[in-house]
Structures are given as structure tokens and as C-alpha cells.
């Protein structure tokens, strides 16, 4: 039960707390209660909504998420050895796995090729 909390649907059809998504992107949301998302940009990187700030006052917020880096399985900001190992470790049928980069429910050759094609620092 999410109650009054901003959530997003994930690619595999689950609900995810937006505060968790922001925290994973390195945003400190300590003290904020993100109640509602009211708009999302076409590319999905700018999200607006409202909630309670750390002082308990109602406030609108805007969040800009980093553009995903193709092949960056571990969301470290670069594509490298740990991403390659993650693909090999999750190889096979694996719906919702981070290494399933093409979202087909299987970690396989196309996911491995995405890691190799994206190798290096994300821009």
C-alpha cells in the first residue's frame, strides 16, 4: 500500500516509489513527502508534482532525472566490467532483471551487445 505517495510504473509493470527512483539517481529526498506526480516530459526525464517539504509546508517540486546510459546495468555512470559481469551473471530468462536491457524478459546476446556498444563513460 503506497497511500498518498508519488509512484511510477516500471518497464516490467510494477509500481515504484518515486522517492526511491530519486534516491537511486543520487538525489537527497530526506524529509520530503512526495505526494503526487502531476506531469512528465515526453522523454521522461523531467517530472513535476507536489508534496510536503522537510518543514511540513506544501510545495511544488520538479525533478530532472539523468538520461539513461545504454548498457549501464549498475547505473554507475559508465559502462564497464561490472556491467559485463552483470549481464553474464543474469544470462537467460530473467524478466525484470537490470541486465535485461532490451526488456524482452531474457538476458542474452542483444543485451551483451548493448553493453559492448556503450562501453566507456556515459555522456
N, C-alpha and C. Protein backbone atom coordinates (compact mmCIF):
# COMPACT_ATOMS: atom_id res chain seq x y z
N UNK A 1 0.85 -1.19 0.00
CA UNK A 1 0.00 0.00 0.00
C UNK A 1 0.89 1.24 0.00
N UNK A 2 0.74 2.07 -1.02
CA UNK A 2 1.56 3.27 -1.14
C UNK A 2 0.92 4.49 -0.48
N UNK A 3 -0.38 4.42 -0.12
CA UNK A 3 -1.04 5.57 0.50
C UNK A 3 -0.96 6.79 -0.40
N UNK A 4 -0.68 7.95 0.19
CA UNK A 4 -0.50 9.18 -0.59
C UNK A 4 0.98 9.34 -0.88
N UNK A 5 1.41 8.71 -1.93
CA UNK A 5 2.82 8.74 -2.26
C UNK A 5 2.98 8.70 -3.78
N UNK A 6 3.90 9.53 -4.29
CA UNK A 6 4.15 9.57 -5.73
C UNK A 6 4.80 8.26 -6.17
N UNK A 7 4.22 7.64 -7.20
CA UNK A 7 4.75 6.38 -7.73
C UNK A 7 4.81 6.45 -9.25
N UNK A 8 5.64 5.59 -9.81
CA UNK A 8 5.74 5.43 -11.26
C UNK A 8 5.61 3.96 -11.59
N UNK A 9 5.13 3.67 -12.80
CA UNK A 9 5.14 2.29 -13.28
C UNK A 9 6.53 1.99 -13.84
N UNK A 10 7.05 0.80 -13.57
CA UNK A 10 8.33 0.39 -14.13
C UNK A 10 8.09 -0.28 -15.48
N UNK A 11 9.15 -0.52 -16.22
CA UNK A 11 9.04 -1.15 -17.54
C UNK A 11 8.44 -2.55 -17.44
N UNK A 12 8.63 -3.22 -16.29
CA UNK A 12 8.08 -4.57 -16.14
C UNK A 12 6.73 -4.59 -15.42
N UNK A 13 6.07 -3.42 -15.32
CA UNK A 13 4.70 -3.36 -14.81
C UNK A 13 4.54 -3.28 -13.30
N UNK A 14 5.60 -2.98 -12.57
CA UNK A 14 5.50 -2.82 -11.12
C UNK A 14 5.39 -1.34 -10.77
N UNK A 15 4.85 -1.07 -9.59
CA UNK A 15 4.85 0.30 -9.07
C UNK A 15 6.14 0.54 -8.31
N UNK A 16 6.73 1.70 -8.51
CA UNK A 16 7.96 2.07 -7.81
C UNK A 16 7.76 3.42 -7.15
N UNK A 17 8.17 3.53 -5.89
CA UNK A 17 8.11 4.82 -5.20
C UNK A 17 9.02 5.80 -5.92
N UNK A 18 8.51 6.99 -6.23
CA UNK A 18 9.33 7.98 -6.93
C UNK A 18 10.50 8.43 -6.06
N UNK A 19 10.29 8.50 -4.75
CA UNK A 19 11.39 8.87 -3.85
C UNK A 19 12.54 7.87 -3.97
N UNK A 20 12.23 6.59 -4.16
CA UNK A 20 13.27 5.57 -4.34
C UNK A 20 14.01 5.79 -5.65
N UNK A 21 13.28 6.15 -6.70
CA UNK A 21 13.91 6.41 -8.00
C UNK A 21 14.87 7.60 -7.89
N UNK A 22 14.44 8.65 -7.19
CA UNK A 22 15.30 9.82 -7.00
C UNK A 22 16.54 9.47 -6.17
N UNK A 23 16.34 8.71 -5.10
CA UNK A 23 17.47 8.32 -4.26
C UNK A 23 18.48 7.51 -5.06
N UNK A 24 18.00 6.62 -5.93
CA UNK A 24 18.90 5.82 -6.77
C UNK A 24 19.68 6.69 -7.74
N UNK A 25 19.11 7.85 -8.10
CA UNK A 25 19.79 8.79 -9.01
C UNK A 25 20.70 9.74 -8.23
N UNK A 26 20.79 9.56 -6.90
CA UNK A 26 21.69 10.38 -6.10
C UNK A 26 21.07 11.65 -5.53
N UNK A 27 19.74 11.76 -5.57
CA UNK A 27 19.05 12.94 -5.05
C UNK A 27 18.66 12.70 -3.59
N UNK A 28 19.01 13.63 -2.71
CA UNK A 28 18.66 13.51 -1.30
C UNK A 28 17.22 14.00 -1.10
N UNK A 29 16.33 13.08 -0.77
CA UNK A 29 14.92 13.42 -0.56
C UNK A 29 14.53 13.30 0.92
N UNK A 30 15.53 13.31 1.79
CA UNK A 30 15.29 13.19 3.22
C UNK A 30 14.33 14.29 3.69
N UNK A 31 13.27 13.88 4.39
CA UNK A 31 12.32 14.84 4.94
C UNK A 31 11.18 15.21 4.01
N UNK A 32 11.32 14.92 2.73
CA UNK A 32 10.26 15.23 1.78
C UNK A 32 9.21 14.13 1.77
N UNK A 33 7.95 14.51 1.61
CA UNK A 33 6.88 13.57 1.35
C UNK A 33 6.35 13.91 -0.04
N UNK A 34 6.74 13.14 -1.03
CA UNK A 34 6.33 13.39 -2.41
C UNK A 34 4.96 12.74 -2.61
N UNK A 35 3.91 13.58 -2.61
CA UNK A 35 2.54 13.06 -2.64
C UNK A 35 2.05 12.68 -4.03
N UNK A 36 2.37 13.49 -5.01
CA UNK A 36 1.73 13.29 -6.31
C UNK A 36 2.62 13.77 -7.44
N UNK A 37 2.62 13.00 -8.52
CA UNK A 37 3.24 13.42 -9.77
C UNK A 37 2.13 14.02 -10.62
N UNK A 38 2.35 15.23 -11.13
CA UNK A 38 1.30 15.89 -11.92
C UNK A 38 1.67 16.06 -13.38
N UNK A 39 2.93 15.80 -13.73
CA UNK A 39 3.33 15.92 -15.13
C UNK A 39 4.68 15.27 -15.38
N UNK A 40 4.83 14.72 -16.59
CA UNK A 40 6.07 14.08 -17.01
C UNK A 40 6.38 14.53 -18.43
N UNK A 41 7.64 14.93 -18.66
CA UNK A 41 8.03 15.36 -20.01
C UNK A 41 7.97 14.17 -20.97
N UNK A 42 7.94 14.47 -22.26
CA UNK A 42 7.83 13.42 -23.27
C UNK A 42 8.96 12.42 -23.19
N UNK A 43 10.16 12.88 -22.86
CA UNK A 43 11.29 11.95 -22.79
C UNK A 43 11.42 11.29 -21.41
N UNK A 44 10.53 11.64 -20.48
CA UNK A 44 10.50 11.01 -19.17
C UNK A 44 11.58 11.46 -18.20
N UNK A 45 12.34 12.49 -18.55
CA UNK A 45 13.43 12.91 -17.66
C UNK A 45 13.06 14.06 -16.74
N UNK A 46 12.00 14.80 -17.03
CA UNK A 46 11.58 15.91 -16.16
C UNK A 46 10.20 15.56 -15.60
N UNK A 47 10.10 15.54 -14.27
CA UNK A 47 8.87 15.14 -13.60
C UNK A 47 8.53 16.22 -12.57
N UNK A 48 7.26 16.62 -12.55
CA UNK A 48 6.81 17.65 -11.61
C UNK A 48 5.69 17.08 -10.74
N UNK A 49 5.55 17.67 -9.56
CA UNK A 49 4.49 17.23 -8.67
C UNK A 49 4.43 18.13 -7.46
N UNK A 50 3.78 17.62 -6.40
CA UNK A 50 3.72 18.39 -5.16
C UNK A 50 3.75 17.44 -3.97
N UNK A 51 4.03 18.01 -2.82
CA UNK A 51 4.10 17.24 -1.59
C UNK A 51 4.45 18.15 -0.43
N UNK A 52 4.97 17.55 0.63
CA UNK A 52 5.36 18.31 1.81
C UNK A 52 6.87 18.39 1.87
N UNK A 53 7.39 19.62 2.06
CA UNK A 53 8.85 19.79 2.17
C UNK A 53 9.28 19.40 3.59
N UNK A 54 10.58 19.39 3.88
CA UNK A 54 11.05 18.98 5.21
C UNK A 54 10.50 19.82 6.37
N UNK A 55 10.01 21.03 6.10
CA UNK A 55 9.42 21.86 7.16
C UNK A 55 7.93 21.58 7.35
N UNK A 56 7.38 20.68 6.51
CA UNK A 56 5.96 20.34 6.60
C UNK A 56 5.05 21.23 5.79
N UNK A 57 5.62 22.11 4.98
CA UNK A 57 4.82 23.00 4.14
C UNK A 57 4.57 22.35 2.78
N UNK A 58 3.35 22.55 2.26
CA UNK A 58 3.02 22.03 0.93
C UNK A 58 3.82 22.82 -0.09
N UNK A 59 4.43 22.12 -1.03
CA UNK A 59 5.28 22.77 -2.02
C UNK A 59 5.30 21.95 -3.31
N UNK A 60 5.36 22.67 -4.42
CA UNK A 60 5.55 22.00 -5.72
C UNK A 60 7.02 21.64 -5.86
N UNK A 61 7.31 20.59 -6.60
CA UNK A 61 8.70 20.20 -6.85
C UNK A 61 8.87 19.83 -8.32
N UNK A 62 10.10 19.90 -8.77
CA UNK A 62 10.46 19.50 -10.12
C UNK A 62 11.74 18.68 -10.02
N UNK A 63 11.77 17.56 -10.70
CA UNK A 63 12.94 16.69 -10.67
C UNK A 63 13.39 16.41 -12.10
N UNK A 64 14.68 16.52 -12.33
CA UNK A 64 15.24 16.18 -13.63
C UNK A 64 16.10 14.94 -13.44
N UNK A 65 15.69 13.85 -14.05
CA UNK A 65 16.42 12.59 -13.94
C UNK A 65 17.49 12.53 -15.02
N UNK A 66 18.59 11.86 -14.72
CA UNK A 66 19.62 11.72 -15.75
C UNK A 66 19.10 10.85 -16.89
N UNK A 67 19.55 11.16 -18.09
CA UNK A 67 19.20 10.33 -19.24
C UNK A 67 19.88 8.98 -19.07
N UNK A 68 19.13 7.90 -19.20
CA UNK A 68 19.75 6.59 -19.03
C UNK A 68 20.88 6.38 -20.03
N UNK A 69 21.90 5.70 -19.59
CA UNK A 69 23.05 5.39 -20.43
C UNK A 69 22.91 3.95 -20.90
N UNK A 70 22.82 3.75 -22.20
CA UNK A 70 22.66 2.41 -22.76
C UNK A 70 23.80 1.50 -22.31
N UNK A 71 23.46 0.39 -21.70
CA UNK A 71 24.46 -0.58 -21.28
C UNK A 71 24.93 -0.42 -19.84
N UNK A 72 24.53 0.66 -19.16
CA UNK A 72 24.97 0.90 -17.78
C UNK A 72 24.06 0.15 -16.82
N UNK A 73 24.25 -1.15 -16.72
CA UNK A 73 23.39 -2.03 -15.93
C UNK A 73 23.37 -1.62 -14.46
N UNK A 74 24.52 -1.25 -13.91
CA UNK A 74 24.60 -0.94 -12.48
C UNK A 74 24.41 0.55 -12.17
N UNK A 75 24.04 1.35 -13.17
CA UNK A 75 23.76 2.79 -13.00
C UNK A 75 24.91 3.53 -12.33
N UNK A 76 26.14 3.18 -12.70
CA UNK A 76 27.32 3.81 -12.11
C UNK A 76 27.80 5.04 -12.86
N UNK A 77 27.22 5.30 -14.03
CA UNK A 77 27.65 6.45 -14.82
C UNK A 77 28.65 6.09 -15.90
N UNK A 78 29.01 4.83 -15.95
CA UNK A 78 29.84 4.36 -17.06
C UNK A 78 29.50 2.91 -17.37
N UNK A 79 29.88 2.47 -18.54
CA UNK A 79 29.64 1.09 -18.94
C UNK A 79 30.99 0.39 -18.93
N UNK A 80 31.11 -0.63 -18.10
CA UNK A 80 32.40 -1.29 -17.95
C UNK A 80 32.27 -2.72 -17.49
N UNK A 81 33.32 -3.17 -16.83
CA UNK A 81 33.47 -4.57 -16.43
C UNK A 81 32.31 -5.06 -15.56
N UNK A 82 31.87 -4.26 -14.59
CA UNK A 82 30.79 -4.71 -13.70
C UNK A 82 29.48 -4.88 -14.46
N UNK A 83 29.25 -4.07 -15.49
CA UNK A 83 28.05 -4.23 -16.32
C UNK A 83 28.14 -5.52 -17.13
N UNK A 84 29.31 -5.80 -17.67
CA UNK A 84 29.53 -7.03 -18.42
C UNK A 84 29.30 -8.25 -17.53
N UNK A 85 29.85 -8.21 -16.32
CA UNK A 85 29.67 -9.32 -15.37
C UNK A 85 28.19 -9.49 -15.01
N UNK A 86 27.47 -8.38 -14.84
CA UNK A 86 26.04 -8.46 -14.51
C UNK A 86 25.26 -9.15 -15.62
N UNK A 87 25.58 -8.83 -16.87
CA UNK A 87 24.91 -9.48 -17.99
C UNK A 87 25.19 -10.98 -17.98
N UNK A 88 26.44 -11.35 -17.79
CA UNK A 88 26.80 -12.77 -17.78
C UNK A 88 26.17 -13.49 -16.59
N UNK A 89 26.13 -12.83 -15.43
CA UNK A 89 25.56 -13.41 -14.22
C UNK A 89 24.05 -13.63 -14.33
N UNK A 90 23.36 -12.73 -15.04
CA UNK A 90 21.90 -12.82 -15.15
C UNK A 90 21.46 -13.47 -16.47
N UNK A 91 22.38 -14.07 -17.19
CA UNK A 91 22.13 -14.66 -18.51
C UNK A 91 20.97 -15.64 -18.47
N UNK A 92 20.08 -15.53 -19.44
CA UNK A 92 18.96 -16.45 -19.58
C UNK A 92 17.64 -15.75 -19.28
N UNK A 93 16.60 -16.55 -19.09
CA UNK A 93 15.28 -16.00 -18.80
C UNK A 93 15.35 -15.26 -17.46
N UNK A 94 15.00 -14.00 -17.48
CA UNK A 94 15.17 -13.17 -16.28
C UNK A 94 14.30 -11.91 -16.39
N UNK A 95 12.96 -12.04 -16.38
CA UNK A 95 12.10 -10.87 -16.51
C UNK A 95 12.34 -9.86 -15.40
N UNK A 96 12.49 -8.60 -15.79
CA UNK A 96 12.68 -7.52 -14.82
C UNK A 96 14.10 -7.37 -14.30
N UNK A 97 15.03 -8.19 -14.76
CA UNK A 97 16.42 -8.07 -14.31
C UNK A 97 17.05 -6.81 -14.88
N UNK A 98 17.90 -6.14 -14.11
CA UNK A 98 18.57 -4.94 -14.61
C UNK A 98 19.36 -5.18 -15.89
N UNK A 99 19.91 -6.38 -16.05
CA UNK A 99 20.72 -6.68 -17.24
C UNK A 99 19.88 -6.95 -18.48
N UNK A 100 18.56 -7.04 -18.33
CA UNK A 100 17.67 -7.22 -19.49
C UNK A 100 17.44 -5.86 -20.13
N UNK A 101 18.45 -5.38 -20.81
CA UNK A 101 18.44 -4.01 -21.34
C UNK A 101 17.41 -3.78 -22.42
N UNK A 102 17.06 -4.81 -23.18
CA UNK A 102 16.07 -4.62 -24.24
C UNK A 102 14.65 -4.94 -23.76
N UNK A 103 14.50 -5.36 -22.51
CA UNK A 103 13.18 -5.56 -21.92
C UNK A 103 12.39 -6.73 -22.47
N UNK A 104 13.06 -7.73 -23.06
CA UNK A 104 12.33 -8.86 -23.64
C UNK A 104 12.16 -10.02 -22.67
N UNK A 105 12.60 -9.86 -21.42
CA UNK A 105 12.45 -10.91 -20.42
C UNK A 105 13.57 -11.93 -20.42
N UNK A 106 14.55 -11.73 -21.30
CA UNK A 106 15.69 -12.65 -21.41
C UNK A 106 16.97 -11.83 -21.49
N UNK A 107 17.95 -12.17 -20.67
CA UNK A 107 19.27 -11.55 -20.78
C UNK A 107 20.06 -12.39 -21.78
N UNK A 108 20.39 -11.78 -22.90
CA UNK A 108 21.02 -12.54 -23.97
C UNK A 108 21.95 -11.69 -24.82
N UNK A 109 22.11 -12.12 -26.06
CA UNK A 109 23.07 -11.52 -26.97
C UNK A 109 22.83 -10.03 -27.19
N UNK A 110 21.58 -9.61 -27.39
CA UNK A 110 21.33 -8.18 -27.64
C UNK A 110 21.70 -7.32 -26.43
N UNK A 111 21.51 -7.87 -25.23
CA UNK A 111 21.89 -7.14 -24.01
C UNK A 111 23.42 -7.06 -23.91
N UNK A 112 24.10 -8.15 -24.23
CA UNK A 112 25.56 -8.15 -24.23
C UNK A 112 26.10 -7.15 -25.25
N UNK A 113 25.50 -7.12 -26.43
CA UNK A 113 25.93 -6.17 -27.47
C UNK A 113 25.69 -4.73 -27.04
N UNK A 114 24.60 -4.47 -26.30
CA UNK A 114 24.33 -3.11 -25.81
C UNK A 114 25.42 -2.67 -24.83
N UNK A 115 25.87 -3.57 -23.98
CA UNK A 115 26.96 -3.24 -23.05
C UNK A 115 28.23 -2.93 -23.83
N UNK A 116 28.57 -3.78 -24.79
CA UNK A 116 29.79 -3.56 -25.57
C UNK A 116 29.71 -2.27 -26.38
N UNK A 117 28.54 -1.98 -26.95
CA UNK A 117 28.37 -0.76 -27.76
C UNK A 117 28.45 0.51 -26.92
N UNK A 118 28.03 0.42 -25.65
CA UNK A 118 28.03 1.60 -24.79
C UNK A 118 29.28 1.75 -23.95
N UNK A 119 30.26 0.89 -24.15
CA UNK A 119 31.46 0.84 -23.29
C UNK A 119 32.10 2.21 -23.11
N UNK A 120 32.40 2.55 -21.87
CA UNK A 120 33.06 3.81 -21.56
C UNK A 120 32.22 4.69 -20.66
N UNK A 121 32.63 5.93 -20.52
CA UNK A 121 31.94 6.90 -19.66
C UNK A 121 30.67 7.38 -20.34
N UNK A 122 29.57 7.42 -19.59
CA UNK A 122 28.29 7.91 -20.13
C UNK A 122 28.35 9.42 -20.32
N UNK A 123 27.71 9.88 -21.36
CA UNK A 123 27.67 11.33 -21.62
C UNK A 123 26.27 11.82 -21.51
